Amino acid sequence: MSMGPEQVAATAQLARLALRAEDVPAVAGKLSAILDLVEQMNAVDTAGIVPMAHPLELSQRLRADAVTESDRRADFQAIAPQTADGLYLVPRVLE
């Protein structure tokens, strides 16, 4: 698929990119190459191919789901300016 200067300018405007007039042909060529690659990839028959999350057959190392931090809520609330019923009180911002 080939992109013309008008399509490049419209795409640049949508992407909020400032392109100089002398850069448009180079950008058009690069975008056309990208779109050609996408067309080639779309042409490949992928029926029966199972999607995978990673190209290598590896399993994720998992760590034990264990608590490593102690509950310090009371310590933090003791130094807070204002608390009530376990909540931090802050000044009203909106009326």
PDB file of N, CA and C in Angstrom:
ATOM      1  N   MET A   1       0.862  -1.176   0.000  1.00  0.00           N
ATOM      2  CA  MET A   1       0.000   0.000   0.000  1.00  0.00           C
ATOM      3  C   MET A   1       0.898   1.225   0.000  1.00  0.00           C
ATOM      4  N   SER A   2       0.597   2.120  -0.883  1.00  0.00           N
ATOM      5  CA  SER A   2       1.404   3.327  -1.010  1.00  0.00           C
ATOM      6  C   SER A   2       0.643   4.515  -0.443  1.00  0.00           C
ATOM      7  N   MET A   3       1.338   5.327   0.324  1.00  0.00           N
ATOM      8  CA  MET A   3       0.719   6.530   0.898  1.00  0.00           C
ATOM      9  C   MET A   3       1.190   7.748   0.112  1.00  0.00           C
ATOM     10  N   GLY A   4       0.244   8.583  -0.246  1.00  0.00           N
ATOM     11  CA  GLY A   4       0.569   9.813  -0.944  1.00  0.00           C
ATOM     12  C   GLY A   4       0.811  10.954   0.036  1.00  0.00           C
ATOM     13  N   PRO A   5       1.286  12.081  -0.474  1.00  0.00           N
ATOM     14  CA  PRO A   5       1.564  13.229   0.394  1.00  0.00           C
ATOM     15  C   PRO A   5       0.332  13.715   1.159  1.00  0.00           C
ATOM     16  N   GLU A   6      -0.840  13.623   0.534  1.00  0.00           N
ATOM     17  CA  GLU A   6      -2.060  14.072   1.213  1.00  0.00           C
ATOM     18  C   GLU A   6      -2.383  13.171   2.399  1.00  0.00           C
ATOM     19  N   GLN A   7      -2.227  11.856   2.216  1.00  0.00           N
ATOM     20  CA  GLN A   7      -2.489  10.917   3.302  1.00  0.00           C
ATOM     21  C   GLN A   7      -1.482  11.079   4.435  1.00  0.00           C
ATOM     22  N   VAL A   8      -0.221  11.341   4.081  1.00  0.00           N
ATOM     23  CA  VAL A   8       0.799  11.561   5.109  1.00  0.00           C
ATOM     24  C   VAL A   8       0.476  12.819   5.896  1.00  0.00           C
ATOM     25  N   ALA A   9       0.077  13.877   5.211  1.00  0.00           N
ATOM     26  CA  ALA A   9      -0.264  15.127   5.896  1.00  0.00           C
ATOM     27  C   ALA A   9      -1.470  14.928   6.805  1.00  0.00           C
ATOM     28  N   ALA A  10      -2.472  14.188   6.336  1.00  0.00           N
ATOM     29  CA  ALA A  10      -3.658  13.945   7.163  1.00  0.00           C
ATOM     30  C   ALA A  10      -3.304  13.093   8.378  1.00  0.00           C
ATOM     31  N   THR A  11      -2.465  12.084   8.184  1.00  0.00           N
ATOM     32  CA  THR A  11      -2.044  11.232   9.297  1.00  0.00           C
ATOM     33  C   THR A  11      -1.225  12.028  10.304  1.00  0.00           C
ATOM     34  N   ALA A  12      -0.335  12.860   9.813  1.00  0.00           N
ATOM     35  CA  ALA A  12       0.482  13.690  10.702  1.00  0.00           C
ATOM     36  C   ALA A  12      -0.400  14.645  11.496  1.00  0.00           C
ATOM     37  N   GLN A  13      -1.419  15.194  10.865  1.00  0.00           N
ATOM     38  CA  GLN A  13      -2.326  16.109  11.571  1.00  0.00           C
ATOM     39  C   GLN A  13      -3.088  15.366  12.655  1.00  0.00           C
ATOM     40  N   LEU A  14      -3.548  14.146  12.356  1.00  0.00           N
ATOM     41  CA  LEU A  14      -4.264  13.357  13.360  1.00  0.00           C
ATOM     42  C   LEU A  14      -3.357  12.980  14.525  1.00  0.00           C
ATOM     43  N   ALA A  15      -2.075  12.737  14.232  1.00  0.00           N
ATOM     44  CA  ALA A  15      -1.118  12.363  15.268  1.00  0.00           C
ATOM     45  C   ALA A  15      -0.509  13.586  15.939  1.00  0.00           C
ATOM     46  N   ARG A  16      -0.939  14.763  15.514  1.00  0.00           N
ATOM     47  CA  ARG A  16      -0.424  16.038  16.059  1.00  0.00           C
ATOM     48  C   ARG A  16       1.091  16.128  15.880  1.00  0.00           C
ATOM     49  N   LEU A  17       1.554  15.757  14.669  1.00  0.00           N
ATOM     50  CA  LEU A  17       2.966  15.849  14.324  1.00  0.00           C
ATOM     51  C   LEU A  17       3.172  16.997  13.350  1.00  0.00           C
ATOM     52  N   ALA A  18       4.224  17.741  13.536  1.00  0.00           N
ATOM     53  CA  ALA A  18       4.565  18.821  12.618  1.00  0.00           C
ATOM     54  C   ALA A  18       5.591  18.279  11.632  1.00  0.00           C
ATOM     55  N   LEU A  19       5.212  18.185  10.366  1.00  0.00           N
ATOM     56  CA  LEU A  19       6.118  17.703   9.331  1.00  0.00           C
ATOM     57  C   LEU A  19       6.457  18.848   8.392  1.00  0.00           C
ATOM     58  N   ARG A  20       7.743  18.954   8.070  1.00  0.00           N
ATOM     59  CA  ARG A  20       8.152  19.934   7.063  1.00  0.00           C
ATOM     60  C   ARG A  20       7.834  19.350   5.702  1.00  0.00           C
ATOM     61  N   ALA A  21       7.585  20.207   4.731  1.00  0.00           N
ATOM     62  CA  ALA A  21       7.212  19.763   3.380  1.00  0.00           C
ATOM     63  C   ALA A  21       8.294  18.880   2.773  1.00  0.00           C
ATOM     64  N   GLU A  22       9.565  19.162   3.061  1.00  0.00           N
ATOM     65  CA  GLU A  22      10.638  18.356   2.475  1.00  0.00           C
ATOM     66  C   GLU A  22      10.755  16.978   3.137  1.00  0.00           C
ATOM     67  N   ASP A  23      10.146  16.781   4.292  1.00  0.00           N
ATOM     68  CA  ASP A  23      10.191  15.482   4.969  1.00  0.00           C
ATOM     69  C   ASP A  23       9.067  14.548   4.546  1.00  0.00           C
ATOM     70  N   VAL A  24       8.050  15.080   3.899  1.00  0.00           N
ATOM     71  CA  VAL A  24       6.867  14.284   3.553  1.00  0.00           C
ATOM     72  C   VAL A  24       7.208  13.096   2.644  1.00  0.00           C
ATOM     73  N   PRO A  25       8.007  13.250   1.584  1.00  0.00           N
ATOM     74  CA  PRO A  25       8.296  12.074   0.748  1.00  0.00           C
ATOM     75  C   PRO A  25       9.017  10.953   1.508  1.00  0.00           C
ATOM     76  N   ALA A  26       9.955  11.296   2.371  1.00  0.00           N
ATOM     77  CA  ALA A  26      10.671  10.273   3.136  1.00  0.00           C
ATOM     78  C   ALA A  26       9.726   9.565   4.099  1.00  0.00           C
ATOM     79  N   VAL A  27       8.882  10.332   4.765  1.00  0.00           N
ATOM     80  CA  VAL A  27       7.915   9.738   5.702  1.00  0.00           C
ATOM     81  C   VAL A  27       6.920   8.872   4.949  1.00  0.00           C
ATOM     82  N   ALA A  28       6.500   9.321   3.782  1.00  0.00           N
ATOM     83  CA  ALA A  28       5.566   8.537   2.979  1.00  0.00           C
ATOM     84  C   ALA A  28       6.189   7.201   2.597  1.00  0.00           C
ATOM     85  N   GLY A  29       7.453   7.193   2.233  1.00  0.00           N
ATOM     86  CA  GLY A  29       8.131   5.946   1.880  1.00  0.00           C
ATOM     87  C   GLY A  29       8.223   4.997   3.060  1.00  0.00           C
ATOM     88  N   LYS A  30       8.562   5.529   4.223  1.00  0.00           N
ATOM     89  CA  LYS A  30       8.688   4.680   5.418  1.00  0.00           C
ATOM     90  C   LYS A  30       7.340   4.121   5.846  1.00  0.00           C
ATOM     91  N   LEU A  31       6.304   4.961   5.825  1.00  0.00           N
ATOM     92  CA  LEU A  31       4.969   4.481   6.191  1.00  0.00           C
ATOM     93  C   LEU A  31       4.463   3.440   5.197  1.00  0.00           C
ATOM     94  N   SER A  32       4.750   3.644   3.913  1.00  0.00           N
ATOM     95  CA  SER A  32       4.341   2.675   2.899  1.00  0.00           C
ATOM     96  C   SER A  32       5.032   1.340   3.131  1.00  0.00           C
ATOM     97  N   ALA A  33       6.319   1.369   3.497  1.00  0.00           N
ATOM     98  CA  ALA A  33       7.041   0.126   3.774  1.00  0.00           C
ATOM     99  C   ALA A  33       6.434  -0.600   4.967  1.00  0.00           C
ATOM    100  N   ILE A  34       6.049   0.145   5.992  1.00  0.00           N
ATOM    101  CA  ILE A  34       5.425  -0.467   7.167  1.00  0.00           C
ATOM    102  C   ILE A  34       4.092  -1.105   6.792  1.00  0.00           C
ATOM    103  N   LEU A  35       3.295  -0.389   6.015  1.00  0.00           N
ATOM    104  CA  LEU A  35       1.994  -0.924   5.608  1.00  0.00           C
ATOM    105  C   LEU A  35       2.151  -2.138   4.708  1.00  0.00           C
ATOM    106  N   ASP A  36       3.187  -2.151   3.846  1.00  0.00           N
ATOM    107  CA  ASP A  36       3.454  -3.331   3.016  1.00  0.00           C
ATOM    108  C   ASP A  36       3.796  -4.537   3.886  1.00  0.00           C
ATOM    109  N   LEU A  37       4.583  -4.325   4.928  1.00  0.00           N
ATOM    110  CA  LEU A  37       4.931  -5.417   5.839  1.00  0.00           C
ATOM    111  C   LEU A  37       3.681  -5.954   6.542  1.00  0.00           C
ATOM    112  N   VAL A  38       2.795  -5.056   6.961  1.00  0.00           N
ATOM    113  CA  VAL A  38       1.549  -5.485   7.603  1.00  0.00           C
ATOM    114  C   VAL A  38       0.709  -6.301   6.632  1.00  0.00           C
ATOM    115  N   GLU A  39       0.656  -5.895   5.363  1.00  0.00           N
ATOM    116  CA  GLU A  39      -0.089  -6.662   4.370  1.00  0.00           C
ATOM    117  C   GLU A  39       0.509  -8.051   4.182  1.00  0.00           C
ATOM    118  N   GLN A  40       1.852  -8.146   4.186  1.00  0.00           N
ATOM    119  CA  GLN A  40       2.498  -9.457   4.065  1.00  0.00           C
ATOM    120  C   GLN A  40       2.149 -10.339   5.252  1.00  0.00           C
ATOM    121  N   MET A  41       2.152  -9.769   6.441  1.00  0.00           N
ATOM    122  CA  MET A  41       1.832 -10.561   7.632  1.00  0.00           C
ATOM    123  C   MET A  41       0.377 -10.980   7.625  1.00  0.00           C
ATOM    124  N   ASN A  42      -0.522 -10.133   7.124  1.00  0.00           N
ATOM    125  CA  ASN A  42      -1.940 -10.495   7.048  1.00  0.00           C
ATOM    126  C   ASN A  42      -2.183 -11.595   6.024  1.00  0.00           C
ATOM    127  N   ALA A  43      -1.317 -11.728   5.028  1.00  0.00           N
ATOM    128  CA  ALA A  43      -1.491 -12.731   3.984  1.00  0.00           C
ATOM    129  C   ALA A  43      -1.138 -14.130   4.466  1.00  0.00           C
ATOM    130  N   VAL A  44      -0.438 -14.269   5.572  1.00  0.00           N
ATOM    131  CA  VAL A  44      -0.032 -15.576   6.081  1.00  0.00           C
ATOM    132  C   VAL A  44      -1.246 -16.292   6.668  1.00  0.00           C
ATOM    133  N   ASP A  45      -1.399 -17.571   6.323  1.00  0.00           N
ATOM    134  CA  ASP A  45      -2.507 -18.368   6.847  1.00  0.00           C
ATOM    135  C   ASP A  45      -2.165 -18.825   8.264  1.00  0.00           C
ATOM    136  N   THR A  46      -2.907 -18.327   9.235  1.00  0.00           N
ATOM    137  CA  THR A  46      -2.651 -18.671  10.631  1.00  0.00           C
ATOM    138  C   THR A  46      -3.753 -19.547  11.221  1.00  0.00           C
ATOM    139  N   ALA A  47      -4.558 -20.152  10.365  1.00  0.00           N
ATOM    140  CA  ALA A  47      -5.627 -21.034  10.842  1.00  0.00           C
ATOM    141  C   ALA A  47      -4.994 -22.233  11.540  1.00  0.00           C
ATOM    142  N   GLY A  48      -5.469 -22.539  12.707  1.00  0.00           N
ATOM    143  CA  GLY A  48      -4.966 -23.677  13.454  1.00  0.00           C
ATOM    144  C   GLY A  48      -3.730 -23.379  14.287  1.00  0.00           C
ATOM    145  N   ILE A  49      -3.245 -22.162  14.251  1.00  0.00           N
ATOM    146  CA  ILE A  49      -2.081 -21.783  15.051  1.00  0.00           C
ATOM    147  C   ILE A  49      -2.574 -21.289  16.406  1.00  0.00           C
ATOM    148  N   VAL A  50      -2.021 -21.856  17.455  1.00  0.00           N
ATOM    149  CA  VAL A  50      -2.421 -21.466  18.806  1.00  0.00           C
ATOM    150  C   VAL A  50      -1.635 -20.228  19.222  1.00  0.00           C
ATOM    151  N   PRO A  51      -2.316 -19.168  19.642  1.00  0.00           N
ATOM    152  CA  PRO A  51      -1.594 -17.978  20.100  1.00  0.00           C
ATOM    153  C   PRO A  51      -0.765 -18.304  21.341  1.00  0.00           C
ATOM    154  N   MET A  52       0.374 -17.659  21.450  1.00  0.00           N
ATOM    155  CA  MET A  52       1.200 -17.886  22.631  1.00  0.00           C
ATOM    156  C   MET A  52       1.669 -16.555  23.188  1.00  0.00           C
ATOM    157  N   ALA A  53       1.921 -16.565  24.479  1.00  0.00           N
ATOM    158  CA  ALA A  53       2.326 -15.344  25.157  1.00  0.00           C
ATOM    159  C   ALA A  53       3.813 -15.072  24.988  1.00  0.00           C
ATOM    160  N   HIS A  54       4.588 -16.114  24.703  1.00  0.00           N
ATOM    161  CA  HIS A  54       6.037 -15.963  24.603  1.00  0.00           C
ATOM    162  C   HIS A  54       6.544 -16.983  23.584  1.00  0.00           C
ATOM    163  N   PRO A  55       7.530 -16.647  22.785  1.00  0.00           N
ATOM    164  CA  PRO A  55       7.983 -17.589  21.764  1.00  0.00           C
ATOM    165  C   PRO A  55       8.743 -18.794  22.314  1.00  0.00           C
ATOM    166  N   LEU A  56       9.186 -18.728  23.529  1.00  0.00           N
ATOM    167  CA  LEU A  56       9.913 -19.842  24.124  1.00  0.00           C
ATOM    168  C   LEU A  56       9.019 -20.597  25.090  1.00  0.00           C
ATOM    169  N   GLU A  57       9.183 -21.892  25.145  1.00  0.00           N
ATOM    170  CA  GLU A  57       8.386 -22.717  26.048  1.00  0.00           C
ATOM    171  C   GLU A  57       9.017 -22.702  27.438  1.00  0.00           C
ATOM    172  N   LEU A  58       8.831 -21.625  28.144  1.00  0.00           N
ATOM    173  CA  LEU A  58       9.380 -21.481  29.484  1.00  0.00           C
ATOM    174  C   LEU A  58       8.247 -21.317  30.475  1.00  0.00           C
ATOM    175  N   SER A  59       8.497 -21.732  31.703  1.00  0.00           N
ATOM    176  CA  SER A  59       7.505 -21.493  32.737  1.00  0.00           C
ATOM    177  C   SER A  59       8.021 -20.389  33.648  1.00  0.00           C
ATOM    178  N   GLN A  60       7.116 -19.625  34.167  1.00  0.00           N
ATOM    179  CA  GLN A  60       7.465 -18.507  35.032  1.00  0.00           C
ATOM    180  C   GLN A  60       7.820 -19.019  36.419  1.00  0.00           C
ATOM    181  N   ARG A  61       8.961 -18.558  36.927  1.00  0.00           N
ATOM    182  CA  ARG A  61       9.311 -18.918  38.298  1.00  0.00           C
ATOM    183  C   ARG A  61       8.414 -18.119  39.233  1.00  0.00           C
ATOM    184  N   LEU A  62       7.786 -18.794  40.131  1.00  0.00           N
ATOM    185  CA  LEU A  62       6.880 -18.135  41.063  1.00  0.00           C
ATOM    186  C   LEU A  62       7.472 -18.170  42.460  1.00  0.00           C
ATOM    187  N   ARG A  63       7.284 -17.100  43.185  1.00  0.00           N
ATOM    188  CA  ARG A  63       7.743 -17.065  44.566  1.00  0.00           C
ATOM    189  C   ARG A  63       6.582 -17.455  45.473  1.00  0.00           C
ATOM    190  N   ALA A  64       6.917 -17.827  46.660  1.00  0.00           N
ATOM    191  CA  ALA A  64       5.879 -18.213  47.614  1.00  0.00           C
ATOM    192  C   ALA A  64       5.038 -16.991  47.968  1.00  0.00           C
ATOM    193  N   ASP A  65       3.749 -17.184  48.074  1.00  0.00           N
ATOM    194  CA  ASP A  65       2.845 -16.100  48.434  1.00  0.00           C
ATOM    195  C   ASP A  65       2.825 -15.981  49.952  1.00  0.00           C
ATOM    196  N   ALA A  66       3.814 -15.288  50.467  1.00  0.00           N
ATOM    197  CA  ALA A  66       3.951 -15.159  51.920  1.00  0.00           C
ATOM    198  C   ALA A  66       4.064 -13.689  52.292  1.00  0.00           C
ATOM    199  N   VAL A  67       3.525 -13.332  53.431  1.00  0.00           N
ATOM    200  CA  VAL A  67       3.600 -11.968  53.928  1.00  0.00           C
ATOM    201  C   VAL A  67       5.034 -11.680  54.353  1.00  0.00           C
ATOM    202  N   THR A  68       5.598 -10.597  53.815  1.00  0.00           N
ATOM    203  CA  THR A  68       6.971 -10.245  54.166  1.00  0.00           C
ATOM    204  C   THR A  68       7.044  -8.931  54.934  1.00  0.00           C
ATOM    205  N   GLU A  69       5.959  -8.178  54.958  1.00  0.00           N
ATOM    206  CA  GLU A  69       5.912  -6.905  55.676  1.00  0.00           C
ATOM    207  C   GLU A  69       4.947  -7.030  56.853  1.00  0.00           C
ATOM    208  N   SER A  70       5.278  -6.350  57.925  1.00  0.00           N
ATOM    209  CA  SER A  70       4.372  -6.364  59.075  1.00  0.00           C
ATOM    210  C   SER A  70       3.339  -5.252  58.918  1.00  0.00           C
ATOM    211  N   ASP A  71       2.235  -5.382  59.636  1.00  0.00           N
ATOM    212  CA  ASP A  71       1.175  -4.380  59.593  1.00  0.00           C
ATOM    213  C   ASP A  71       1.605  -3.168  60.420  1.00  0.00           C
ATOM    214  N   ARG A  72       1.852  -2.043  59.743  1.00  0.00           N
ATOM    215  CA  ARG A  72       2.318  -0.844  60.434  1.00  0.00           C
ATOM    216  C   ARG A  72       1.281   0.277  60.376  1.00  0.00           C
ATOM    217  N   ARG A  73       0.029  -0.102  60.160  1.00  0.00           N
ATOM    218  CA  ARG A  73      -1.035   0.891  60.046  1.00  0.00           C
ATOM    219  C   ARG A  73      -1.122   1.773  61.283  1.00  0.00           C
ATOM    220  N   ALA A  74      -1.070   1.203  62.441  1.00  0.00           N
ATOM    221  CA  ALA A  74      -1.162   1.979  63.683  1.00  0.00           C
ATOM    222  C   ALA A  74       0.010   2.948  63.801  1.00  0.00           C
ATOM    223  N   ASP A  75       1.193   2.516  63.388  1.00  0.00           N
ATOM    224  CA  ASP A  75       2.361   3.407  63.433  1.00  0.00           C
ATOM    225  C   ASP A  75       2.171   4.600  62.501  1.00  0.00           C
ATOM    226  N   PHE A  76       1.686   4.350  61.313  1.00  0.00           N
ATOM    227  CA  PHE A  76       1.506   5.434  60.344  1.00  0.00           C
ATOM    228  C   PHE A  76       0.379   6.369  60.760  1.00  0.00           C
ATOM    229  N   GLN A  77      -0.670   5.802  61.318  1.00  0.00           N
ATOM    230  CA  GLN A  77      -1.775   6.663  61.729  1.00  0.00           C
ATOM    231  C   GLN A  77      -1.423   7.467  62.970  1.00  0.00           C
ATOM    232  N   ALA A  78      -0.500   6.992  63.763  1.00  0.00           N
ATOM    233  CA  ALA A  78      -0.087   7.734  64.956  1.00  0.00           C
ATOM    234  C   ALA A  78       0.619   9.034  64.589  1.00  0.00           C
ATOM    235  N   ILE A  79       1.290   9.077  63.452  1.00  0.00           N
ATOM    236  CA  ILE A  79       1.999  10.294  63.052  1.00  0.00           C
ATOM    237  C   ILE A  79       1.203  11.149  62.070  1.00  0.00           C
ATOM    238  N   ALA A  80       0.014  10.687  61.679  1.00  0.00           N
ATOM    239  CA  ALA A  80      -0.820  11.464  60.758  1.00  0.00           C
ATOM    240  C   ALA A  80      -1.457  12.630  61.497  1.00  0.00           C
ATOM    241  N   PRO A  81      -1.648  13.762  60.814  1.00  0.00           N
ATOM    242  CA  PRO A  81      -2.254  14.927  61.475  1.00  0.00           C
ATOM    243  C   PRO A  81      -3.657  14.648  62.014  1.00  0.00           C
ATOM    244  N   GLN A  82      -4.503  13.981  61.212  1.00  0.00           N
ATOM    245  CA  GLN A  82      -5.868  13.690  61.661  1.00  0.00           C
ATOM    246  C   GLN A  82      -6.308  12.330  61.121  1.00  0.00           C
ATOM    247  N   THR A  83      -6.910  11.539  62.012  1.00  0.00           N
ATOM    248  CA  THR A  83      -7.489  10.258  61.603  1.00  0.00           C
ATOM    249  C   THR A  83      -8.804  10.066  62.338  1.00  0.00           C
ATOM    250  N   ALA A  84      -9.652   9.241  61.765  1.00  0.00           N
ATOM    251  CA  ALA A  84     -10.914   8.889  62.424  1.00  0.00           C
ATOM    252  C   ALA A  84     -11.341   7.530  61.914  1.00  0.00           C
ATOM    253  N   ASP A  85     -11.614   6.612  62.826  1.00  0.00           N
ATOM    254  CA  ASP A  85     -12.077   5.264  62.497  1.00  0.00           C
ATOM    255  C   ASP A  85     -11.135   4.565  61.505  1.00  0.00           C
ATOM    256  N   GLY A  86      -9.837   4.771  61.670  1.00  0.00           N
ATOM    257  CA  GLY A  86      -8.867   4.107  60.802  1.00  0.00           C
ATOM    258  C   GLY A  86      -8.668   4.774  59.459  1.00  0.00           C
ATOM    259  N   LEU A  87      -9.261   5.942  59.230  1.00  0.00           N
ATOM    260  CA  LEU A  87      -9.136   6.661  57.967  1.00  0.00           C
ATOM    261  C   LEU A  87      -8.328   7.939  58.177  1.00  0.00           C
ATOM    262  N   TYR A  88      -7.645   8.368  57.131  1.00  0.00           N
ATOM    263  CA  TYR A  88      -6.921   9.629  57.178  1.00  0.00           C
ATOM    264  C   TYR A  88      -7.879  10.758  56.800  1.00  0.00           C
ATOM    265  N   LEU A  89      -7.908  11.811  57.591  1.00  0.00           N
ATOM    266  CA  LEU A  89      -8.754  12.968  57.319  1.00  0.00           C
ATOM    267  C   LEU A  89      -7.907  14.024  56.623  1.00  0.00           C
ATOM    268  N   VAL A  90      -8.439  14.541  55.522  1.00  0.00           N
ATOM    269  CA  VAL A  90      -7.738  15.559  54.750  1.00  0.00           C
ATOM    270  C   VAL A  90      -8.646  16.779  54.608  1.00  0.00           C
ATOM    271  N   PRO A  91      -8.064  17.949  54.352  1.00  0.00           N
ATOM    272  CA  PRO A  91      -8.895  19.133  54.172  1.00  0.00           C
ATOM    273  C   PRO A  91      -9.779  19.004  52.933  1.00  0.00           C
ATOM    274  N   ARG A  92     -10.947  19.598  52.996  1.00  0.00           N
ATOM    275  CA  ARG A  92     -11.877  19.584  51.875  1.00  0.00           C
ATOM    276  C   ARG A  92     -11.293  20.436  50.760  1.00  0.00           C
ATOM    277  N   VAL A  93     -11.327  19.906  49.541  1.00  0.00           N
ATOM    278  CA  VAL A  93     -10.766  20.601  48.390  1.00  0.00           C
ATOM    279  C   VAL A  93     -11.879  21.205  47.538  1.00  0.00           C
ATOM    280  N   LEU A  94     -12.974  20.488  47.406  1.00  0.00           N
ATOM    281  CA  LEU A  94     -14.095  20.958  46.589  1.00  0.00           C
ATOM    282  C   LEU A  94     -15.257  21.322  47.489  1.00  0.00           C
ATOM    283  N   GLU A  95     -15.941  22.342  47.092  1.00  0.00           N
ATOM    284  CA  GLU A  95     -17.129  22.773  47.872  1.00  0.00           C
ATOM    285  C   GLU A  95     -18.357  22.087  47.364  1.00  0.00           C
TER     286      GLU A  95
END
